[in-house]
Each structure stands twice: as structure tokens, then as C-alpha cells.
């Protein structure tokens, strides 16, 4: 009986460990303004000045939306700001 319980416990632990390495991409909305969305999009790494840098990279002068894209490839997580506007 103890052997069966131990095997079941090991299987449960392994099943949870297997789920931790599943790659994914997640988008988290951060801000929306009344400005028109437009066609320009800029991206920059998450930092204190990341939103301004993303707007500069996309040539955006009037920010409409700010999102965060979180990408996990099974080994590391990368987060970037995505800014859209005119």
C-alpha cells in the first residue's frame, strides 16, 4: 500500500513539474487614451522610460494604447511595451 501511494505521489509531482515549462505569449493591456489608434506601433523593453522609448521607436507623437507582451519560451521570460498611436 505504501508503495502505491508513493508512486501516485511521484506521478502527481511530475505532472505539475511538466506544466511549468509550457511556452506562451500573453498580452496585458495597460492604458488607453482618447487619441486615435493610427497605424504606428513601437516596441521597447520594460524599463522606467520604456513607454517613451517605444513611442520614439515607432515614431509616435500621440499615444493611443499601451500593452505589455510577455513571452515565455520554456527557459526565460521577455517582457516588452507595445505602444500604438499616431
PDB file of N, CA and C in Angstrom:
ATOM      1  N   UNK A   1       0.815  -1.198   0.000  1.00  0.00           N
ATOM      2  CA  UNK A   1       0.000   0.000   0.000  1.00  0.00           C
ATOM      3  C   UNK A   1       0.860   1.265   0.000  1.00  0.00           C
ATOM      4  N   UNK A   2       1.928   1.246   0.809  1.00  0.00           N
ATOM      5  CA  UNK A   2       2.810   2.409   0.863  1.00  0.00           C
ATOM      6  C   UNK A   2       3.494   2.630  -0.484  1.00  0.00           C
ATOM      7  N   UNK A   3       3.821   1.549  -1.169  1.00  0.00           N
ATOM      8  CA  UNK A   3       4.491   1.651  -2.460  1.00  0.00           C
ATOM      9  C   UNK A   3       3.577   2.300  -3.502  1.00  0.00           C
ATOM     10  N   UNK A   4       2.309   1.942  -3.521  1.00  0.00           N
ATOM     11  CA  UNK A   4       1.350   2.522  -4.462  1.00  0.00           C
ATOM     12  C   UNK A   4       1.139   4.006  -4.167  1.00  0.00           C
ATOM     13  N   UNK A   5       1.022   4.346  -2.887  1.00  0.00           N
ATOM     14  CA  UNK A   5       0.852   5.752  -2.508  1.00  0.00           C
ATOM     15  C   UNK A   5       2.071   6.571  -2.915  1.00  0.00           C
ATOM     16  N   UNK A   6       3.271   6.012  -2.734  1.00  0.00           N
ATOM     17  CA  UNK A   6       4.495   6.716  -3.117  1.00  0.00           C
ATOM     18  C   UNK A   6       4.536   6.928  -4.633  1.00  0.00           C
ATOM     19  N   UNK A   7       4.182   5.922  -5.404  1.00  0.00           N
ATOM     20  CA  UNK A   7       4.186   6.039  -6.868  1.00  0.00           C
ATOM     21  C   UNK A   7       3.174   7.084  -7.321  1.00  0.00           C
ATOM     22  N   UNK A   8       1.989   7.098  -6.724  1.00  0.00           N
ATOM     23  CA  UNK A   8       0.991   8.115  -7.067  1.00  0.00           C
ATOM     24  C   UNK A   8       1.480   9.521  -6.733  1.00  0.00           C
ATOM     25  N   UNK A   9       2.132   9.663  -5.595  1.00  0.00           N
ATOM     26  CA  UNK A   9       2.675  10.962  -5.207  1.00  0.00           C
ATOM     27  C   UNK A   9       3.730  11.435  -6.203  1.00  0.00           C
ATOM     28  N   UNK A  10       4.618  10.550  -6.613  1.00  0.00           N
ATOM     29  CA  UNK A  10       5.648  10.890  -7.592  1.00  0.00           C
ATOM     30  C   UNK A  10       5.007  11.290  -8.918  1.00  0.00           C
ATOM     31  N   UNK A  11       3.983  10.577  -9.360  1.00  0.00           N
ATOM     32  CA  UNK A  11       3.303  10.915 -10.617  1.00  0.00           C
ATOM     33  C   UNK A  11       2.626  12.277 -10.555  1.00  0.00           C
ATOM     34  N   UNK A  12       2.019  12.591  -9.420  1.00  0.00           N
ATOM     35  CA  UNK A  12       1.384  13.901  -9.262  1.00  0.00           C
ATOM     36  C   UNK A  12       2.438  15.005  -9.305  1.00  0.00           C
ATOM     37  N   UNK A  13       3.539  14.821  -8.617  1.00  0.00           N
ATOM     38  CA  UNK A  13       4.613  15.833  -8.610  1.00  0.00           C
ATOM     39  C   UNK A  13       5.180  16.016 -10.016  1.00  0.00           C
ATOM     40  N   UNK A  14       5.406  14.945 -10.738  1.00  0.00           N
ATOM     41  CA  UNK A  14       5.935  15.046 -12.099  1.00  0.00           C
ATOM     42  C   UNK A  14       4.942  15.725 -13.045  1.00  0.00           C
ATOM     43  N   UNK A  15       3.652  15.494 -12.837  1.00  0.00           N
ATOM     44  CA  UNK A  15       2.664  16.134 -13.712  1.00  0.00           C
ATOM     45  C   UNK A  15       2.650  17.641 -13.510  1.00  0.00           C
ATOM     46  N   UNK A  16       2.829  18.109 -12.273  1.00  0.00           N
ATOM     47  CA  UNK A  16       2.902  19.546 -12.030  1.00  0.00           C
ATOM     48  C   UNK A  16       4.200  20.138 -12.574  1.00  0.00           C
ATOM     49  N   UNK A  17       5.278  19.434 -12.472  1.00  0.00           N
ATOM     50  CA  UNK A  17       6.564  19.917 -12.968  1.00  0.00           C
ATOM     51  C   UNK A  17       6.554  20.032 -14.486  1.00  0.00           C
ATOM     52  N   UNK A  18       5.847  19.150 -15.158  1.00  0.00           N
ATOM     53  CA  UNK A  18       5.793  19.181 -16.623  1.00  0.00           C
ATOM     54  C   UNK A  18       5.070  20.412 -17.127  1.00  0.00           C
ATOM     55  N   UNK A  19       4.123  20.936 -16.388  1.00  0.00           N
ATOM     56  CA  UNK A  19       3.339  22.095 -16.824  1.00  0.00           C
ATOM     57  C   UNK A  19       4.110  23.406 -16.706  1.00  0.00           C
ATOM     58  N   UNK A  20       5.172  23.435 -15.938  1.00  0.00           N
ATOM     59  CA  UNK A  20       5.878  24.688 -15.699  1.00  0.00           C
ATOM     60  C   UNK A  20       6.699  25.150 -16.896  1.00  0.00           C
ATOM     61  N   UNK A  21       6.968  24.296 -17.865  1.00  0.00           N
ATOM     62  CA  UNK A  21       7.809  24.672 -18.991  1.00  0.00           C
ATOM     63  C   UNK A  21       7.062  24.892 -20.288  1.00  0.00           C
ATOM     64  N   UNK A  22       5.761  25.136 -20.230  1.00  0.00           N
ATOM     65  CA  UNK A  22       4.973  25.323 -21.447  1.00  0.00           C
ATOM     66  C   UNK A  22       5.165  26.746 -21.973  1.00  0.00           C
ATOM     67  N   UNK A  23       5.661  26.910 -23.204  1.00  0.00           N
ATOM     68  CA  UNK A  23       5.843  28.251 -23.776  1.00  0.00           C
ATOM     69  C   UNK A  23       4.492  28.949 -23.982  1.00  0.00           C
ATOM     70  N   UNK A  24       4.490  30.281 -23.832  1.00  0.00           N
ATOM     71  CA  UNK A  24       3.272  31.048 -24.058  1.00  0.00           C
ATOM     72  C   UNK A  24       3.605  32.490 -24.410  1.00  0.00           C
ATOM     73  N   UNK A  25       2.604  33.182 -24.954  1.00  0.00           N
ATOM     74  CA  UNK A  25       2.675  34.621 -25.193  1.00  0.00           C
ATOM     75  C   UNK A  25       1.415  35.214 -24.590  1.00  0.00           C
ATOM     76  N   UNK A  26       1.573  36.234 -23.750  1.00  0.00           N
ATOM     77  CA  UNK A  26       0.435  36.863 -23.084  1.00  0.00           C
ATOM     78  C   UNK A  26       0.497  38.366 -23.312  1.00  0.00           C
ATOM     79  N   UNK A  27      -0.653  38.969 -23.582  1.00  0.00           N
ATOM     80  CA  UNK A  27      -0.747  40.416 -23.748  1.00  0.00           C
ATOM     81  C   UNK A  27      -1.546  40.990 -22.588  1.00  0.00           C
ATOM     82  N   UNK A  28      -1.005  41.998 -21.927  1.00  0.00           N
ATOM     83  CA  UNK A  28      -1.679  42.655 -20.809  1.00  0.00           C
ATOM     84  C   UNK A  28      -1.902  44.122 -21.157  1.00  0.00           C
ATOM     85  N   UNK A  29      -3.161  44.543 -21.344  1.00  0.00           N
ATOM     86  CA  UNK A  29      -3.424  45.961 -21.623  1.00  0.00           C
ATOM     87  C   UNK A  29      -3.066  46.818 -20.405  1.00  0.00           C
ATOM     88  N   UNK A  30      -2.462  47.969 -20.644  1.00  0.00           N
ATOM     89  CA  UNK A  30      -2.033  48.842 -19.560  1.00  0.00           C
ATOM     90  C   UNK A  30      -2.730  50.189 -19.565  1.00  0.00           C
ATOM     91  N   UNK A  31      -2.931  50.772 -20.752  1.00  0.00           N
ATOM     92  CA  UNK A  31      -3.530  52.109 -20.810  1.00  0.00           C
ATOM     93  C   UNK A  31      -4.179  52.338 -22.165  1.00  0.00           C
ATOM     94  N   UNK A  32      -5.256  53.123 -22.149  1.00  0.00           N
ATOM     95  CA  UNK A  32      -5.941  53.534 -23.373  1.00  0.00           C
ATOM     96  C   UNK A  32      -6.263  55.010 -23.215  1.00  0.00           C
ATOM     97  N   UNK A  33      -6.068  55.776 -24.299  1.00  0.00           N
ATOM     98  CA  UNK A  33      -6.392  57.198 -24.264  1.00  0.00           C
ATOM     99  C   UNK A  33      -7.481  57.486 -25.300  1.00  0.00           C
ATOM    100  N   UNK A  34      -7.896  58.744 -25.395  1.00  0.00           N
ATOM    101  CA  UNK A  34      -8.891  59.149 -26.386  1.00  0.00           C
ATOM    102  C   UNK A  34      -8.263  59.408 -27.754  1.00  0.00           C
ATOM    103  N   UNK A  35      -6.951  59.331 -27.852  1.00  0.00           N
ATOM    104  CA  UNK A  35      -6.281  59.581 -29.130  1.00  0.00           C
ATOM    105  C   UNK A  35      -6.610  58.466 -30.130  1.00  0.00           C
ATOM    106  N   UNK A  36      -6.645  58.791 -31.426  1.00  0.00           N
ATOM    107  CA  UNK A  36      -6.889  57.751 -32.430  1.00  0.00           C
ATOM    108  C   UNK A  36      -5.753  56.720 -32.437  1.00  0.00           C
ATOM    109  N   UNK A  37      -6.112  55.464 -32.686  1.00  0.00           N
ATOM    110  CA  UNK A  37      -5.116  54.387 -32.633  1.00  0.00           C
ATOM    111  C   UNK A  37      -4.071  54.540 -33.732  1.00  0.00           C
ATOM    112  N   UNK A  38      -4.450  54.850 -34.947  1.00  0.00           N
ATOM    113  CA  UNK A  38      -3.480  55.030 -36.027  1.00  0.00           C
ATOM    114  C   UNK A  38      -2.842  53.714 -36.433  1.00  0.00           C
ATOM    115  N   UNK A  39      -1.818  53.818 -37.275  1.00  0.00           N
ATOM    116  CA  UNK A  39      -1.154  52.627 -37.802  1.00  0.00           C
ATOM    117  C   UNK A  39       0.250  52.426 -37.260  1.00  0.00           C
ATOM    118  N   UNK A  40       0.744  53.367 -36.493  1.00  0.00           N
ATOM    119  CA  UNK A  40       2.117  53.268 -35.986  1.00  0.00           C
ATOM    120  C   UNK A  40       2.162  52.418 -34.719  1.00  0.00           C
ATOM    121  N   UNK A  41       3.193  51.587 -34.637  1.00  0.00           N
ATOM    122  CA  UNK A  41       3.402  50.730 -33.467  1.00  0.00           C
ATOM    123  C   UNK A  41       4.880  50.755 -33.112  1.00  0.00           C
ATOM    124  N   UNK A  42       5.173  50.909 -31.832  1.00  0.00           N
ATOM    125  CA  UNK A  42       6.551  50.880 -31.360  1.00  0.00           C
ATOM    126  C   UNK A  42       6.698  49.907 -30.211  1.00  0.00           C
ATOM    127  N   UNK A  43       7.886  49.329 -30.092  1.00  0.00           N
ATOM    128  CA  UNK A  43       8.153  48.359 -29.031  1.00  0.00           C
ATOM    129  C   UNK A  43       9.458  48.705 -28.331  1.00  0.00           C
ATOM    130  N   UNK A  44       9.515  48.403 -27.020  1.00  0.00           N
ATOM    131  CA  UNK A  44      10.739  48.622 -26.231  1.00  0.00           C
ATOM    132  C   UNK A  44      10.691  47.727 -24.999  1.00  0.00           C
ATOM    133  N   UNK A  45      11.863  47.353 -24.475  1.00  0.00           N
ATOM    134  CA  UNK A  45      11.897  46.530 -23.254  1.00  0.00           C
ATOM    135  C   UNK A  45      11.280  47.273 -22.071  1.00  0.00           C
ATOM    136  N   UNK A  46      10.785  46.525 -21.110  1.00  0.00           N
ATOM    137  CA  UNK A  46      10.212  47.107 -19.894  1.00  0.00           C
ATOM    138  C   UNK A  46      11.321  47.814 -19.123  1.00  0.00           C
ATOM    139  N   UNK A  47      11.100  49.096 -18.846  1.00  0.00           N
ATOM    140  CA  UNK A  47      12.030  49.887 -18.038  1.00  0.00           C
ATOM    141  C   UNK A  47      11.296  51.137 -17.581  1.00  0.00           C
ATOM    142  N   UNK A  48      11.983  51.989 -16.844  1.00  0.00           N
ATOM    143  CA  UNK A  48      11.361  53.216 -16.350  1.00  0.00           C
ATOM    144  C   UNK A  48      10.954  54.143 -17.493  1.00  0.00           C
ATOM    145  N   UNK A  49      11.724  54.136 -18.577  1.00  0.00           N
ATOM    146  CA  UNK A  49      11.417  55.007 -19.719  1.00  0.00           C
ATOM    147  C   UNK A  49      10.949  54.200 -20.932  1.00  0.00           C
ATOM    148  N   UNK A  50      10.513  52.979 -20.709  1.00  0.00           N
ATOM    149  CA  UNK A  50      10.161  52.076 -21.805  1.00  0.00           C
ATOM    150  C   UNK A  50       9.026  52.555 -22.681  1.00  0.00           C
ATOM    151  N   UNK A  51       7.994  53.188 -22.106  1.00  0.00           N
ATOM    152  CA  UNK A  51       6.859  53.663 -22.906  1.00  0.00           C
ATOM    153  C   UNK A  51       7.315  54.781 -23.832  1.00  0.00           C
ATOM    154  N   UNK A  52       8.097  55.711 -23.313  1.00  0.00           N
ATOM    155  CA  UNK A  52       8.603  56.804 -24.152  1.00  0.00           C
ATOM    156  C   UNK A  52       9.533  56.270 -25.232  1.00  0.00           C
ATOM    157  N   UNK A  53      10.353  55.295 -24.884  1.00  0.00           N
ATOM    158  CA  UNK A  53      11.263  54.697 -25.857  1.00  0.00           C
ATOM    159  C   UNK A  53      10.483  53.954 -26.950  1.00  0.00           C
ATOM    160  N   UNK A  54       9.428  53.241 -26.574  1.00  0.00           N
ATOM    161  CA  UNK A  54       8.602  52.529 -27.549  1.00  0.00           C
ATOM    162  C   UNK A  54       7.917  53.518 -28.491  1.00  0.00           C
ATOM    163  N   UNK A  55       7.425  54.622 -27.960  1.00  0.00           N
ATOM    164  CA  UNK A  55       6.795  55.643 -28.798  1.00  0.00           C
ATOM    165  C   UNK A  55       7.824  56.234 -29.767  1.00  0.00           C
ATOM    166  N   UNK A  56       9.019  56.493 -29.281  1.00  0.00           N
ATOM    167  CA  UNK A  56      10.083  57.019 -30.130  1.00  0.00           C
ATOM    168  C   UNK A  56      10.451  56.019 -31.227  1.00  0.00           C
ATOM    169  N   UNK A  57      10.539  54.725 -30.875  1.00  0.00           N
ATOM    170  CA  UNK A  57      10.895  53.692 -31.851  1.00  0.00           C
ATOM    171  C   UNK A  57       9.848  53.560 -32.949  1.00  0.00           C
ATOM    172  N   UNK A  58       8.584  53.841 -32.620  1.00  0.00           N
ATOM    173  CA  UNK A  58       7.520  53.746 -33.618  1.00  0.00           C
ATOM    174  C   UNK A  58       7.210  55.065 -34.291  1.00  0.00           C
ATOM    175  N   UNK A  59       7.896  56.132 -33.930  1.00  0.00           N
ATOM    176  CA  UNK A  59       7.621  57.444 -34.500  1.00  0.00           C
ATOM    177  C   UNK A  59       6.264  57.978 -34.071  1.00  0.00           C
ATOM    178  N   UNK A  60       5.849  57.660 -32.863  1.00  0.00           N
ATOM    179  CA  UNK A  60       4.529  58.035 -32.350  1.00  0.00           C
ATOM    180  C   UNK A  60       4.640  59.311 -31.529  1.00  0.00           C
ATOM    181  N   UNK A  61       3.781  60.268 -31.836  1.00  0.00           N
ATOM    182  CA  UNK A  61       3.752  61.513 -31.071  1.00  0.00           C
ATOM    183  C   UNK A  61       2.524  61.586 -30.170  1.00  0.00           C
ATOM    184  N   UNK A  62       1.447  60.882 -30.536  1.00  0.00           N
ATOM    185  CA  UNK A  62       0.224  60.842 -29.725  1.00  0.00           C
ATOM    186  C   UNK A  62      -0.096  59.380 -29.402  1.00  0.00           C
ATOM    187  N   UNK A  63       0.152  58.973 -28.163  1.00  0.00           N
ATOM    188  CA  UNK A  63      -0.043  57.583 -27.749  1.00  0.00           C
ATOM    189  C   UNK A  63      -1.530  57.295 -27.579  1.00  0.00           C
ATOM    190  N   UNK A  64      -1.978  56.164 -28.157  1.00  0.00           N
ATOM    191  CA  UNK A  64      -3.373  55.746 -28.030  1.00  0.00           C
ATOM    192  C   UNK A  64      -3.513  54.571 -27.061  1.00  0.00           C
ATOM    193  N   UNK A  65      -2.661  53.548 -27.198  1.00  0.00           N
ATOM    194  CA  UNK A  65      -2.734  52.385 -26.314  1.00  0.00           C
ATOM    195  C   UNK A  65      -1.342  51.959 -25.871  1.00  0.00           C
ATOM    196  N   UNK A  66      -1.280  51.338 -24.711  1.00  0.00           N
ATOM    197  CA  UNK A  66      -0.043  50.763 -24.198  1.00  0.00           C
ATOM    198  C   UNK A  66      -0.364  49.348 -23.720  1.00  0.00           C
ATOM    199  N   UNK A  67       0.359  48.373 -24.236  1.00  0.00           N
ATOM    200  CA  UNK A  67       0.200  46.981 -23.835  1.00  0.00           C
ATOM    201  C   UNK A  67       1.559  46.443 -23.413  1.00  0.00           C
ATOM    202  N   UNK A  68       1.532  45.344 -22.656  1.00  0.00           N
ATOM    203  CA  UNK A  68       2.752  44.621 -22.325  1.00  0.00           C
ATOM    204  C   UNK A  68       2.624  43.226 -22.909  1.00  0.00           C
ATOM    205  N   UNK A  69       3.634  42.819 -23.690  1.00  0.00           N
ATOM    206  CA  UNK A  69       3.663  41.450 -24.216  1.00  0.00           C
ATOM    207  C   UNK A  69       4.678  40.661 -23.406  1.00  0.00           C
ATOM    208  N   UNK A  70       4.218  39.559 -22.812  1.00  0.00           N
ATOM    209  CA  UNK A  70       5.074  38.679 -22.029  1.00  0.00           C
ATOM    210  C   UNK A  70       5.233  37.387 -22.818  1.00  0.00           C
ATOM    211  N   UNK A  71       6.465  37.046 -23.166  1.00  0.00           N
ATOM    212  CA  UNK A  71       6.756  35.830 -23.917  1.00  0.00           C
ATOM    213  C   UNK A  71       7.619  34.923 -23.051  1.00  0.00           C
ATOM    214  N   UNK A  72       7.189  33.672 -22.915  1.00  0.00           N
ATOM    215  CA  UNK A  72       7.958  32.676 -22.166  1.00  0.00           C
ATOM    216  C   UNK A  72       8.242  31.515 -23.100  1.00  0.00           C
ATOM    217  N   UNK A  73       9.503  31.185 -23.307  1.00  0.00           N
ATOM    218  CA  UNK A  73       9.871  30.124 -24.255  1.00  0.00           C
ATOM    219  C   UNK A  73      10.225  28.810 -23.568  1.00  0.00           C
ATOM    220  N   UNK A  74       9.946  28.694 -22.289  1.00  0.00           N
ATOM    221  CA  UNK A  74      10.268  27.487 -21.545  1.00  0.00           C
ATOM    222  C   UNK A  74      11.513  27.640 -20.698  1.00  0.00           C
ATOM    223  N   UNK A  75      12.324  28.654 -21.008  1.00  0.00           N
ATOM    224  CA  UNK A  75      13.561  28.882 -20.256  1.00  0.00           C
ATOM    225  C   UNK A  75      13.635  30.282 -19.664  1.00  0.00           C
ATOM    226  N   UNK A  76      13.170  31.280 -20.433  1.00  0.00           N
ATOM    227  CA  UNK A  76      13.266  32.655 -19.941  1.00  0.00           C
ATOM    228  C   UNK A  76      12.029  33.446 -20.338  1.00  0.00           C
ATOM    229  N   UNK A  77      11.788  34.520 -19.615  1.00  0.00           N
ATOM    230  CA  UNK A  77      10.647  35.392 -19.858  1.00  0.00           C
ATOM    231  C   UNK A  77      11.155  36.724 -20.402  1.00  0.00           C
ATOM    232  N   UNK A  78      10.515  37.215 -21.474  1.00  0.00           N
ATOM    233  CA  UNK A  78      10.855  38.509 -22.061  1.00  0.00           C
ATOM    234  C   UNK A  78       9.592  39.362 -22.064  1.00  0.00           C
ATOM    235  N   UNK A  79       9.676  40.565 -21.494  1.00  0.00           N
ATOM    236  CA  UNK A  79       8.539  41.478 -21.437  1.00  0.00           C
ATOM    237  C   UNK A  79       8.881  42.754 -22.199  1.00  0.00           C
ATOM    238  N   UNK A  80       7.954  43.214 -23.048  1.00  0.00           N
ATOM    239  CA  UNK A  80       8.162  44.444 -23.810  1.00  0.00           C
ATOM    240  C   UNK A  80       6.892  45.290 -23.791  1.00  0.00           C
ATOM    241  N   UNK A  81       7.083  46.618 -23.864  1.00  0.00           N
ATOM    242  CA  UNK A  81       5.964  47.529 -24.048  1.00  0.00           C
ATOM    243  C   UNK A  81       5.632  47.559 -25.544  1.00  0.00           C
ATOM    244  N   UNK A  82       4.343  47.599 -25.863  1.00  0.00           N
ATOM    245  CA  UNK A  82       3.879  47.796 -27.231  1.00  0.00           C
ATOM    246  C   UNK A  82       2.987  49.032 -27.187  1.00  0.00           C
ATOM    247  N   UNK A  83       3.385  50.072 -27.914  1.00  0.00           N
ATOM    248  CA  UNK A  83       2.664  51.338 -27.924  1.00  0.00           C
ATOM    249  C   UNK A  83       2.121  51.577 -29.319  1.00  0.00           C
ATOM    250  N   UNK A  84       0.851  52.009 -29.418  1.00  0.00           N
ATOM    251  CA  UNK A  84       0.280  52.351 -30.718  1.00  0.00           C
ATOM    252  C   UNK A  84      -0.244  53.765 -30.681  1.00  0.00           C
ATOM    253  N   UNK A  85      -0.365  54.385 -31.845  1.00  0.00           N
ATOM    254  CA  UNK A  85      -0.867  55.757 -31.918  1.00  0.00           C
ATOM    255  C   UNK A  85      -0.517  56.395 -33.235  1.00  0.00           C
ATOM    256  N   UNK A  86      -0.516  57.719 -33.233  1.00  0.00           N
ATOM    257  CA  UNK A  86      -0.208  58.498 -34.449  1.00  0.00           C
ATOM    258  C   UNK A  86       1.119  59.213 -34.292  1.00  0.00           C
TER     259      UNK A  86
END
